[in-house]
Amino acid sequence: MKLGRFLALGTLAYGAYYAYKRREDIKEEILDLNQSRENISHDLDRIKRNLDIIKEQNLVLDDIKQDLSYKTRVFQKDLEPRLSIIQEHLKKYQSDNKE
């Protein structure tokens, strides 16, 4: 057997022994990693649901924005004649006060 193969076999044997010696720690770490992966998966699902809700609410907000814009224009159009009447009445009283 060549020296390289002997060193590789020795390293492999030591690695197997070390893994066997720490098998409980390795099992625990694997369980922790699996739990973390499940938690991450649940968080990702929750984030996706929240993003869908945000998209839906953006559509609702766009509708509200359009409705408010329309109502603002209608209010301004309705207000213009009233303001002109008020201005005319004010002019009368201002001219009366000057005399």
PDB file of N, CA and C in Angstrom:
ATOM      1  N   MET A   1       0.856  -1.170   0.000  1.00  0.00           N
ATOM      2  CA  MET A   1       0.000   0.000   0.000  1.00  0.00           C
ATOM      3  C   MET A   1       0.901   1.232   0.000  1.00  0.00           C
ATOM      4  N   LYS A   2       0.570   2.176  -0.821  1.00  0.00           N
ATOM      5  CA  LYS A   2       1.378   3.378  -0.900  1.00  0.00           C
ATOM      6  C   LYS A   2       1.086   4.274   0.284  1.00  0.00           C
ATOM      7  N   LEU A   3       1.984   5.149   0.562  1.00  0.00           N
ATOM      8  CA  LEU A   3       1.875   6.039   1.711  1.00  0.00           C
ATOM      9  C   LEU A   3       0.674   6.974   1.590  1.00  0.00           C
ATOM     10  N   GLY A   4       0.370   7.475   0.411  1.00  0.00           N
ATOM     11  CA  GLY A   4      -0.766   8.371   0.198  1.00  0.00           C
ATOM     12  C   GLY A   4      -2.083   7.689   0.531  1.00  0.00           C
ATOM     13  N   ARG A   5      -2.226   6.454   0.091  1.00  0.00           N
ATOM     14  CA  ARG A   5      -3.453   5.720   0.387  1.00  0.00           C
ATOM     15  C   ARG A   5      -3.550   5.415   1.877  1.00  0.00           C
ATOM     16  N   PHE A   6      -2.430   5.107   2.465  1.00  0.00           N
ATOM     17  CA  PHE A   6      -2.417   4.823   3.898  1.00  0.00           C
ATOM     18  C   PHE A   6      -2.833   6.071   4.694  1.00  0.00           C
ATOM     19  N   LEU A   7      -2.319   7.243   4.306  1.00  0.00           N
ATOM     20  CA  LEU A   7      -2.701   8.490   4.969  1.00  0.00           C
ATOM     21  C   LEU A   7      -4.180   8.809   4.751  1.00  0.00           C
ATOM     22  N   ALA A   8      -4.683   8.555   3.555  1.00  0.00           N
ATOM     23  CA  ALA A   8      -6.088   8.804   3.268  1.00  0.00           C
ATOM     24  C   ALA A   8      -6.970   7.874   4.107  1.00  0.00           C
ATOM     25  N   LEU A   9      -6.587   6.615   4.215  1.00  0.00           N
ATOM     26  CA  LEU A   9      -7.349   5.655   5.004  1.00  0.00           C
ATOM     27  C   LEU A   9      -7.320   6.032   6.486  1.00  0.00           C
ATOM     28  N   GLY A  10      -6.165   6.458   6.950  1.00  0.00           N
ATOM     29  CA  GLY A  10      -6.040   6.882   8.352  1.00  0.00           C
ATOM     30  C   GLY A  10      -6.889   8.108   8.634  1.00  0.00           C
ATOM     31  N   THR A  11      -6.861   9.074   7.724  1.00  0.00           N
ATOM     32  CA  THR A  11      -7.672  10.286   7.891  1.00  0.00           C
ATOM     33  C   THR A  11      -9.159   9.943   7.879  1.00  0.00           C
ATOM     34  N   LEU A  12      -9.553   9.063   6.981  1.00  0.00           N
ATOM     35  CA  LEU A  12     -10.942   8.630   6.901  1.00  0.00           C
ATOM     36  C   LEU A  12     -11.368   7.902   8.179  1.00  0.00           C
ATOM     37  N   ALA A  13     -10.497   7.052   8.692  1.00  0.00           N
ATOM     38  CA  ALA A  13     -10.810   6.324   9.924  1.00  0.00           C
ATOM     39  C   ALA A  13     -10.937   7.295  11.096  1.00  0.00           C
ATOM     40  N   TYR A  14     -10.019   8.272  11.166  1.00  0.00           N
ATOM     41  CA  TYR A  14     -10.102   9.257  12.253  1.00  0.00           C
ATOM     42  C   TYR A  14     -11.378  10.085  12.135  1.00  0.00           C
ATOM     43  N   GLY A  15     -11.739  10.467  10.939  1.00  0.00           N
ATOM     44  CA  GLY A  15     -12.967  11.223  10.725  1.00  0.00           C
ATOM     45  C   GLY A  15     -14.193  10.426  11.149  1.00  0.00           C
ATOM     46  N   ALA A  16     -14.215   9.133  10.806  1.00  0.00           N
ATOM     47  CA  ALA A  16     -15.346   8.290  11.203  1.00  0.00           C
ATOM     48  C   ALA A  16     -15.399   8.157  12.722  1.00  0.00           C
ATOM     49  N   TYR A  17     -14.249   7.977  13.353  1.00  0.00           N
ATOM     50  CA  TYR A  17     -14.200   7.867  14.820  1.00  0.00           C
ATOM     51  C   TYR A  17     -14.677   9.169  15.470  1.00  0.00           C
ATOM     52  N   TYR A  18     -14.220  10.296  14.949  1.00  0.00           N
ATOM     53  CA  TYR A  18     -14.599  11.598  15.512  1.00  0.00           C
ATOM     54  C   TYR A  18     -16.099  11.838  15.346  1.00  0.00           C
ATOM     55  N   ALA A  19     -16.646  11.458  14.176  1.00  0.00           N
ATOM     56  CA  ALA A  19     -18.079  11.622  13.941  1.00  0.00           C
ATOM     57  C   ALA A  19     -18.876  10.714  14.880  1.00  0.00           C
ATOM     58  N   TYR A  20     -18.391   9.487  15.093  1.00  0.00           N
ATOM     59  CA  TYR A  20     -19.073   8.572  16.005  1.00  0.00           C
ATOM     60  C   TYR A  20     -19.024   9.105  17.434  1.00  0.00           C
ATOM     61  N   LYS A  21     -17.894   9.650  17.807  1.00  0.00           N
ATOM     62  CA  LYS A  21     -17.723  10.189  19.158  1.00  0.00           C
ATOM     63  C   LYS A  21     -18.665  11.375  19.398  1.00  0.00           C
ATOM     64  N   ARG A  22     -18.903  12.188  18.378  1.00  0.00           N
ATOM     65  CA  ARG A  22     -19.757  13.377  18.512  1.00  0.00           C
ATOM     66  C   ARG A  22     -21.140  13.166  17.917  1.00  0.00           C
ATOM     67  N   ARG A  23     -21.577  11.917  17.797  1.00  0.00           N
ATOM     68  CA  ARG A  23     -22.840  11.615  17.109  1.00  0.00           C
ATOM     69  C   ARG A  23     -24.036  12.298  17.764  1.00  0.00           C
ATOM     70  N   GLU A  24     -24.083  12.384  19.095  1.00  0.00           N
ATOM     71  CA  GLU A  24     -25.199  13.041  19.779  1.00  0.00           C
ATOM     72  C   GLU A  24     -25.224  14.541  19.466  1.00  0.00           C
ATOM     73  N   ASP A  25     -24.057  15.155  19.488  1.00  0.00           N
ATOM     74  CA  ASP A  25     -23.979  16.584  19.139  1.00  0.00           C
ATOM     75  C   ASP A  25     -24.406  16.812  17.693  1.00  0.00           C
ATOM     76  N   ILE A  26     -23.989  15.942  16.824  1.00  0.00           N
ATOM     77  CA  ILE A  26     -24.330  16.081  15.407  1.00  0.00           C
ATOM     78  C   ILE A  26     -25.835  15.900  15.205  1.00  0.00           C
ATOM     79  N   LYS A  27     -26.430  14.905  15.901  1.00  0.00           N
ATOM     80  CA  LYS A  27     -27.877  14.712  15.807  1.00  0.00           C
ATOM     81  C   LYS A  27     -28.618  15.955  16.286  1.00  0.00           C
ATOM     82  N   GLU A  28     -28.159  16.505  17.395  1.00  0.00           N
ATOM     83  CA  GLU A  28     -28.802  17.703  17.951  1.00  0.00           C
ATOM     84  C   GLU A  28     -28.692  18.887  16.989  1.00  0.00           C
ATOM     85  N   GLU A  29     -27.528  19.051  16.393  1.00  0.00           N
ATOM     86  CA  GLU A  29     -27.351  20.143  15.432  1.00  0.00           C
ATOM     87  C   GLU A  29     -28.236  19.947  14.204  1.00  0.00           C
ATOM     88  N   ILE A  30     -28.379  18.706  13.757  1.00  0.00           N
ATOM     89  CA  ILE A  30     -29.231  18.437  12.601  1.00  0.00           C
ATOM     90  C   ILE A  30     -30.689  18.739  12.949  1.00  0.00           C
ATOM     91  N   LEU A  31     -31.123  18.350  14.155  1.00  0.00           N
ATOM     92  CA  LEU A  31     -32.489  18.659  14.579  1.00  0.00           C
ATOM     93  C   LEU A  31     -32.706  20.172  14.667  1.00  0.00           C
ATOM     94  N   ASP A  32     -31.712  20.879  15.215  1.00  0.00           N
ATOM     95  CA  ASP A  32     -31.820  22.343  15.286  1.00  0.00           C
ATOM     96  C   ASP A  32     -31.894  22.962  13.897  1.00  0.00           C
ATOM     97  N   LEU A  33     -31.077  22.454  12.994  1.00  0.00           N
ATOM     98  CA  LEU A  33     -31.097  22.972  11.623  1.00  0.00           C
ATOM     99  C   LEU A  33     -32.443  22.705  10.948  1.00  0.00           C
ATOM    100  N   ASN A  34     -32.996  21.522  11.168  1.00  0.00           N
ATOM    101  CA  ASN A  34     -34.309  21.213  10.586  1.00  0.00           C
ATOM    102  C   ASN A  34     -35.386  22.128  11.162  1.00  0.00           C
ATOM    103  N   GLN A  35     -35.320  22.369  12.470  1.00  0.00           N
ATOM    104  CA  GLN A  35     -36.290  23.273  13.093  1.00  0.00           C
ATOM    105  C   GLN A  35     -36.147  24.685  12.542  1.00  0.00           C
ATOM    106  N   SER A  36     -34.909  25.126  12.374  1.00  0.00           N
ATOM    107  CA  SER A  36     -34.661  26.460  11.808  1.00  0.00           C
ATOM    108  C   SER A  36     -35.191  26.545  10.377  1.00  0.00           C
ATOM    109  N   ARG A  37     -34.990  25.487   9.621  1.00  0.00           N
ATOM    110  CA  ARG A  37     -35.473  25.465   8.238  1.00  0.00           C
ATOM    111  C   ARG A  37     -36.994  25.551   8.206  1.00  0.00           C
ATOM    112  N   GLU A  38     -37.659  24.823   9.101  1.00  0.00           N
ATOM    113  CA  GLU A  38     -39.124  24.890   9.160  1.00  0.00           C
ATOM    114  C   GLU A  38     -39.590  26.289   9.559  1.00  0.00           C
ATOM    115  N   ASN A  39     -38.898  26.885  10.543  1.00  0.00           N
ATOM    116  CA  ASN A  39     -39.259  28.248  10.963  1.00  0.00           C
ATOM    117  C   ASN A  39     -39.082  29.240   9.816  1.00  0.00           C
ATOM    118  N   ILE A  40     -38.007  29.088   9.082  1.00  0.00           N
ATOM    119  CA  ILE A  40     -37.751  29.976   7.942  1.00  0.00           C
ATOM    120  C   ILE A  40     -38.839  29.781   6.887  1.00  0.00           C
ATOM    121  N   SER A  41     -39.235  28.532   6.661  1.00  0.00           N
ATOM    122  CA  SER A  41     -40.284  28.253   5.680  1.00  0.00           C
ATOM    123  C   SER A  41     -41.609  28.899   6.104  1.00  0.00           C
ATOM    124  N   HIS A  42     -41.946  28.792   7.395  1.00  0.00           N
ATOM    125  CA  HIS A  42     -43.175  29.424   7.889  1.00  0.00           C
ATOM    126  C   HIS A  42     -43.099  30.947   7.765  1.00  0.00           C
ATOM    127  N   ASP A  43     -41.934  31.499   8.096  1.00  0.00           N
ATOM    128  CA  ASP A  43     -41.760  32.947   7.971  1.00  0.00           C
ATOM    129  C   ASP A  43     -41.899  33.388   6.515  1.00  0.00           C
ATOM    130  N   LEU A  44     -41.342  32.621   5.619  1.00  0.00           N
ATOM    131  CA  LEU A  44     -41.433  32.954   4.196  1.00  0.00           C
ATOM    132  C   LEU A  44     -42.881  32.905   3.722  1.00  0.00           C
ATOM    133  N   ASP A  45     -43.631  31.895   4.167  1.00  0.00           N
ATOM    134  CA  ASP A  45     -45.048  31.816   3.804  1.00  0.00           C
ATOM    135  C   ASP A  45     -45.819  33.013   4.351  1.00  0.00           C
ATOM    136  N   ARG A  46     -45.517  33.394   5.593  1.00  0.00           N
ATOM    137  CA  ARG A  46     -46.193  34.538   6.204  1.00  0.00           C
ATOM    138  C   ARG A  46     -45.857  35.822   5.445  1.00  0.00           C
ATOM    139  N   ILE A  47     -44.608  35.966   5.049  1.00  0.00           N
ATOM    140  CA  ILE A  47     -44.192  37.153   4.296  1.00  0.00           C
ATOM    141  C   ILE A  47     -44.923  37.202   2.949  1.00  0.00           C
ATOM    142  N   LYS A  48     -45.038  36.053   2.289  1.00  0.00           N
ATOM    143  CA  LYS A  48     -45.747  36.015   1.001  1.00  0.00           C
ATOM    144  C   LYS A  48     -47.212  36.407   1.166  1.00  0.00           C
ATOM    145  N   ARG A  49     -47.856  35.884   2.231  1.00  0.00           N
ATOM    146  CA  ARG A  49     -49.255  36.255   2.478  1.00  0.00           C
ATOM    147  C   ARG A  49     -49.381  37.748   2.748  1.00  0.00           C
ATOM    148  N   ASN A  50     -48.451  38.281   3.537  1.00  0.00           N
ATOM    149  CA  ASN A  50     -48.496  39.712   3.841  1.00  0.00           C
ATOM    150  C   ASN A  50     -48.276  40.554   2.588  1.00  0.00           C
ATOM    151  N   LEU A  51     -47.400  40.109   1.709  1.00  0.00           N
ATOM    152  CA  LEU A  51     -47.189  40.839   0.451  1.00  0.00           C
ATOM    153  C   LEU A  51     -48.446  40.817  -0.413  1.00  0.00           C
ATOM    154  N   ASP A  52     -49.129  39.674  -0.433  1.00  0.00           N
ATOM    155  CA  ASP A  52     -50.398  39.612  -1.182  1.00  0.00           C
ATOM    156  C   ASP A  52     -51.420  40.573  -0.599  1.00  0.00           C
ATOM    157  N   ILE A  53     -51.486  40.637   0.728  1.00  0.00           N
ATOM    158  CA  ILE A  53     -52.416  41.563   1.382  1.00  0.00           C
ATOM    159  C   ILE A  53     -52.054  43.005   1.035  1.00  0.00           C
ATOM    160  N   ILE A  54     -50.768  43.309   1.043  1.00  0.00           N
ATOM    161  CA  ILE A  54     -50.322  44.674   0.720  1.00  0.00           C
ATOM    162  C   ILE A  54     -50.684  45.025  -0.717  1.00  0.00           C
ATOM    163  N   LYS A  55     -50.523  44.077  -1.629  1.00  0.00           N
ATOM    164  CA  LYS A  55     -50.890  44.336  -3.031  1.00  0.00           C
ATOM    165  C   LYS A  55     -52.391  44.608  -3.152  1.00  0.00           C
ATOM    166  N   GLU A  56     -53.192  43.807  -2.446  1.00  0.00           N
ATOM    167  CA  GLU A  56     -54.639  44.030  -2.485  1.00  0.00           C
ATOM    168  C   GLU A  56     -54.994  45.400  -1.910  1.00  0.00           C
ATOM    169  N   GLN A  57     -54.357  45.767  -0.820  1.00  0.00           N
ATOM    170  CA  GLN A  57     -54.648  47.054  -0.197  1.00  0.00           C
ATOM    171  C   GLN A  57     -54.187  48.209  -1.079  1.00  0.00           C
ATOM    172  N   ASN A  58     -53.127  48.015  -1.827  1.00  0.00           N
ATOM    173  CA  ASN A  58     -52.690  49.055  -2.766  1.00  0.00           C
ATOM    174  C   ASN A  58     -53.758  49.295  -3.829  1.00  0.00           C
ATOM    175  N   LEU A  59     -54.394  48.223  -4.286  1.00  0.00           N
ATOM    176  CA  LEU A  59     -55.474  48.390  -5.256  1.00  0.00           C
ATOM    177  C   LEU A  59     -56.643  49.153  -4.637  1.00  0.00           C
ATOM    178  N   VAL A  60     -56.958  48.822  -3.389  1.00  0.00           N
ATOM    179  CA  VAL A  60     -58.040  49.532  -2.700  1.00  0.00           C
ATOM    180  C   VAL A  60     -57.669  51.009  -2.533  1.00  0.00           C
ATOM    181  N   LEU A  61     -56.427  51.265  -2.164  1.00  0.00           N
ATOM    182  CA  LEU A  61     -55.980  52.652  -1.998  1.00  0.00           C
ATOM    183  C   LEU A  61     -56.016  53.421  -3.313  1.00  0.00           C
ATOM    184  N   ASP A  62     -55.690  52.750  -4.398  1.00  0.00           N
ATOM    185  CA  ASP A  62     -55.781  53.414  -5.709  1.00  0.00           C
ATOM    186  C   ASP A  62     -57.221  53.800  -6.019  1.00  0.00           C
ATOM    187  N   ASP A  63     -58.149  52.904  -5.706  1.00  0.00           N
ATOM    188  CA  ASP A  63     -59.568  53.225  -5.918  1.00  0.00           C
ATOM    189  C   ASP A  63     -59.992  54.410  -5.051  1.00  0.00           C
ATOM    190  N   ILE A  64     -59.570  54.405  -3.809  1.00  0.00           N
ATOM    191  CA  ILE A  64     -59.908  55.511  -2.905  1.00  0.00           C
ATOM    192  C   ILE A  64     -59.291  56.813  -3.405  1.00  0.00           C
ATOM    193  N   LYS A  65     -58.073  56.732  -3.897  1.00  0.00           N
ATOM    194  CA  LYS A  65     -57.393  57.919  -4.424  1.00  0.00           C
ATOM    195  C   LYS A  65     -58.158  58.500  -5.612  1.00  0.00           C
ATOM    196  N   GLN A  66     -58.591  57.640  -6.507  1.00  0.00           N
ATOM    197  CA  GLN A  66     -59.357  58.109  -7.664  1.00  0.00           C
ATOM    198  C   GLN A  66     -60.688  58.723  -7.226  1.00  0.00           C
ATOM    199  N   ASP A  67     -61.327  58.083  -6.255  1.00  0.00           N
ATOM    200  CA  ASP A  67     -62.604  58.593  -5.766  1.00  0.00           C
ATOM    201  C   ASP A  67     -62.416  59.958  -5.104  1.00  0.00           C
ATOM    202  N   LEU A  68     -61.377  60.094  -4.301  1.00  0.00           N
ATOM    203  CA  LEU A  68     -61.119  61.384  -3.645  1.00  0.00           C
ATOM    204  C   LEU A  68     -60.757  62.464  -4.662  1.00  0.00           C
ATOM    205  N   SER A  69     -60.020  62.086  -5.661  1.00  0.00           N
ATOM    206  CA  SER A  69     -59.670  63.048  -6.704  1.00  0.00           C
ATOM    207  C   SER A  69     -60.930  63.537  -7.413  1.00  0.00           C
ATOM    208  N   TYR A  70     -61.799  62.623  -7.746  1.00  0.00           N
ATOM    209  CA  TYR A  70     -63.059  62.996  -8.397  1.00  0.00           C
ATOM    210  C   TYR A  70     -63.887  63.884  -7.477  1.00  0.00           C
ATOM    211  N   LYS A  71     -64.022  63.512  -6.220  1.00  0.00           N
ATOM    212  CA  LYS A  71     -64.825  64.303  -5.282  1.00  0.00           C
ATOM    213  C   LYS A  71     -64.225  65.687  -5.064  1.00  0.00           C
ATOM    214  N   THR A  72     -62.902  65.783  -5.079  1.00  0.00           N
ATOM    215  CA  THR A  72     -62.250  67.081  -4.928  1.00  0.00           C
ATOM    216  C   THR A  72     -62.576  67.981  -6.120  1.00  0.00           C
ATOM    217  N   ARG A  73     -62.506  67.412  -7.323  1.00  0.00           N
ATOM    218  CA  ARG A  73     -62.843  68.200  -8.518  1.00  0.00           C
ATOM    219  C   ARG A  73     -64.303  68.648  -8.487  1.00  0.00           C
ATOM    220  N   VAL A  74     -65.191  67.757  -8.092  1.00  0.00           N
ATOM    221  CA  VAL A  74     -66.614  68.107  -8.018  1.00  0.00           C
ATOM    222  C   VAL A  74     -66.828  69.197  -6.975  1.00  0.00           C
ATOM    223  N   PHE A  75     -66.164  69.067  -5.847  1.00  0.00           N
ATOM    224  CA  PHE A  75     -66.304  70.069  -4.786  1.00  0.00           C
ATOM    225  C   PHE A  75     -65.801  71.437  -5.249  1.00  0.00           C
ATOM    226  N   GLN A  76     -64.674  71.458  -5.948  1.00  0.00           N
ATOM    227  CA  GLN A  76     -64.139  72.726  -6.441  1.00  0.00           C
ATOM    228  C   GLN A  76     -65.081  73.356  -7.467  1.00  0.00           C
ATOM    229  N   LYS A  77     -65.631  72.548  -8.335  1.00  0.00           N
ATOM    230  CA  LYS A  77     -66.568  73.082  -9.334  1.00  0.00           C
ATOM    231  C   LYS A  77     -67.825  73.619  -8.654  1.00  0.00           C
ATOM    232  N   ASP A  78     -68.269  72.941  -7.615  1.00  0.00           N
ATOM    233  CA  ASP A  78     -69.445  73.391  -6.882  1.00  0.00           C
ATOM    234  C   ASP A  78     -69.129  74.647  -6.070  1.00  0.00           C
ATOM    235  N   LEU A  79     -67.923  74.768  -5.619  1.00  0.00           N
ATOM    236  CA  LEU A  79     -67.533  75.878  -4.751  1.00  0.00           C
ATOM    237  C   LEU A  79     -67.300  77.179  -5.531  1.00  0.00           C
ATOM    238  N   GLU A  80     -66.880  77.100  -6.753  1.00  0.00           N
ATOM    239  CA  GLU A  80     -66.560  78.296  -7.539  1.00  0.00           C
ATOM    240  C   GLU A  80     -67.717  79.284  -7.634  1.00  0.00           C
ATOM    241  N   PRO A  81     -68.896  78.855  -8.001  1.00  0.00           N
ATOM    242  CA  PRO A  81     -69.995  79.838  -8.073  1.00  0.00           C
ATOM    243  C   PRO A  81     -70.332  80.428  -6.703  1.00  0.00           C
ATOM    244  N   ARG A  82     -70.274  79.630  -5.699  1.00  0.00           N
ATOM    245  CA  ARG A  82     -70.576  80.131  -4.352  1.00  0.00           C
ATOM    246  C   ARG A  82     -69.555  81.181  -3.912  1.00  0.00           C
ATOM    247  N   LEU A  83     -68.307  80.915  -4.217  1.00  0.00           N
ATOM    248  CA  LEU A  83     -67.258  81.882  -3.867  1.00  0.00           C
ATOM    249  C   LEU A  83     -67.432  83.186  -4.645  1.00  0.00           C
ATOM    250  N   SER A  84     -67.823  83.078  -5.888  1.00  0.00           N
ATOM    251  CA  SER A  84     -68.031  84.308  -6.673  1.00  0.00           C
ATOM    252  C   SER A  84     -69.189  85.126  -6.094  1.00  0.00           C
ATOM    253  N   ILE A  85     -70.236  84.447  -5.649  1.00  0.00           N
ATOM    254  CA  ILE A  85     -71.363  85.154  -5.018  1.00  0.00           C
ATOM    255  C   ILE A  85     -70.904  85.826  -3.725  1.00  0.00           C
ATOM    256  N   ILE A  86     -70.124  85.124  -2.951  1.00  0.00           N
ATOM    257  CA  ILE A  86     -69.605  85.690  -1.700  1.00  0.00           C
ATOM    258  C   ILE A  86     -68.724  86.895  -2.002  1.00  0.00           C
ATOM    259  N   GLN A  87     -67.908  86.813  -3.018  1.00  0.00           N
ATOM    260  CA  GLN A  87     -67.045  87.930  -3.410  1.00  0.00           C
ATOM    261  C   GLN A  87     -67.869  89.148  -3.816  1.00  0.00           C
ATOM    262  N   GLU A  88     -68.932  88.916  -4.558  1.00  0.00           N
ATOM    263  CA  GLU A  88     -69.801  90.019  -4.966  1.00  0.00           C
ATOM    264  C   GLU A  88     -70.434  90.699  -3.756  1.00  0.00           C
ATOM    265  N   HIS A  89     -70.898  89.901  -2.816  1.00  0.00           N
ATOM    266  CA  HIS A  89     -71.487  90.469  -1.604  1.00  0.00           C
ATOM    267  C   HIS A  89     -70.453  91.227  -0.784  1.00  0.00           C
ATOM    268  N   LEU A  90     -69.269  90.707  -0.740  1.00  0.00           N
ATOM    269  CA  LEU A  90     -68.206  91.400   0.001  1.00  0.00           C
ATOM    270  C   LEU A  90     -67.869  92.740  -0.651  1.00  0.00           C
ATOM    271  N   LYS A  91     -67.844  92.767  -1.960  1.00  0.00           N
ATOM    272  CA  LYS A  91     -67.555  94.021  -2.663  1.00  0.00           C
ATOM    273  C   LYS A  91     -68.591  95.082  -2.329  1.00  0.00           C
ATOM    274  N   LYS A  92     -69.841  94.674  -2.242  1.00  0.00           N
ATOM    275  CA  LYS A  92     -70.898  95.624  -1.895  1.00  0.00           C
ATOM    276  C   LYS A  92     -70.641  96.228  -0.522  1.00  0.00           C
ATOM    277  N   TYR A  93     -70.310  95.367   0.428  1.00  0.00           N
ATOM    278  CA  TYR A  93     -70.106  95.874   1.796  1.00  0.00           C
ATOM    279  C   TYR A  93     -68.811  96.669   1.924  1.00  0.00           C
ATOM    280  N   GLN A  94     -67.812  96.285   1.159  1.00  0.00           N
ATOM    281  CA  GLN A  94     -66.567  97.039   1.218  1.00  0.00           C
ATOM    282  C   GLN A  94     -66.761  98.424   0.614  1.00  0.00           C
ATOM    283  N   SER A  95     -67.519  98.513  -0.475  1.00  0.00           N
ATOM    284  CA  SER A  95     -67.758  99.824  -1.084  1.00  0.00           C
ATOM    285  C   SER A  95     -68.635 100.673  -0.179  1.00  0.00           C
ATOM    286  N   ASP A  96     -69.578 100.082   0.570  1.00  0.00           N
ATOM    287  CA  ASP A  96     -70.412 100.824   1.518  1.00  0.00           C
ATOM    288  C   ASP A  96     -69.587 101.357   2.672  1.00  0.00           C
ATOM    289  N   ASN A  97     -68.619 100.621   3.111  1.00  0.00           N
ATOM    290  CA  ASN A  97     -67.779 101.051   4.239  1.00  0.00           C
ATOM    291  C   ASN A  97     -66.861 102.219   3.851  1.00  0.00           C
ATOM    292  N   LYS A  98     -66.474 102.311   2.615  1.00  0.00           N
ATOM    293  CA  LYS A  98     -65.583 103.374   2.167  1.00  0.00           C
ATOM    294  C   LYS A  98     -66.307 104.716   2.107  1.00  0.00           C
ATOM    295  N   GLU A  99     -67.550 104.670   1.861  1.00  0.00           N
ATOM    296  CA  GLU A  99     -68.305 105.926   1.681  1.00  0.00           C
ATOM    297  C   GLU A  99     -68.673 106.532   2.945  1.00  0.00           C
TER     298      GLU A  99
END
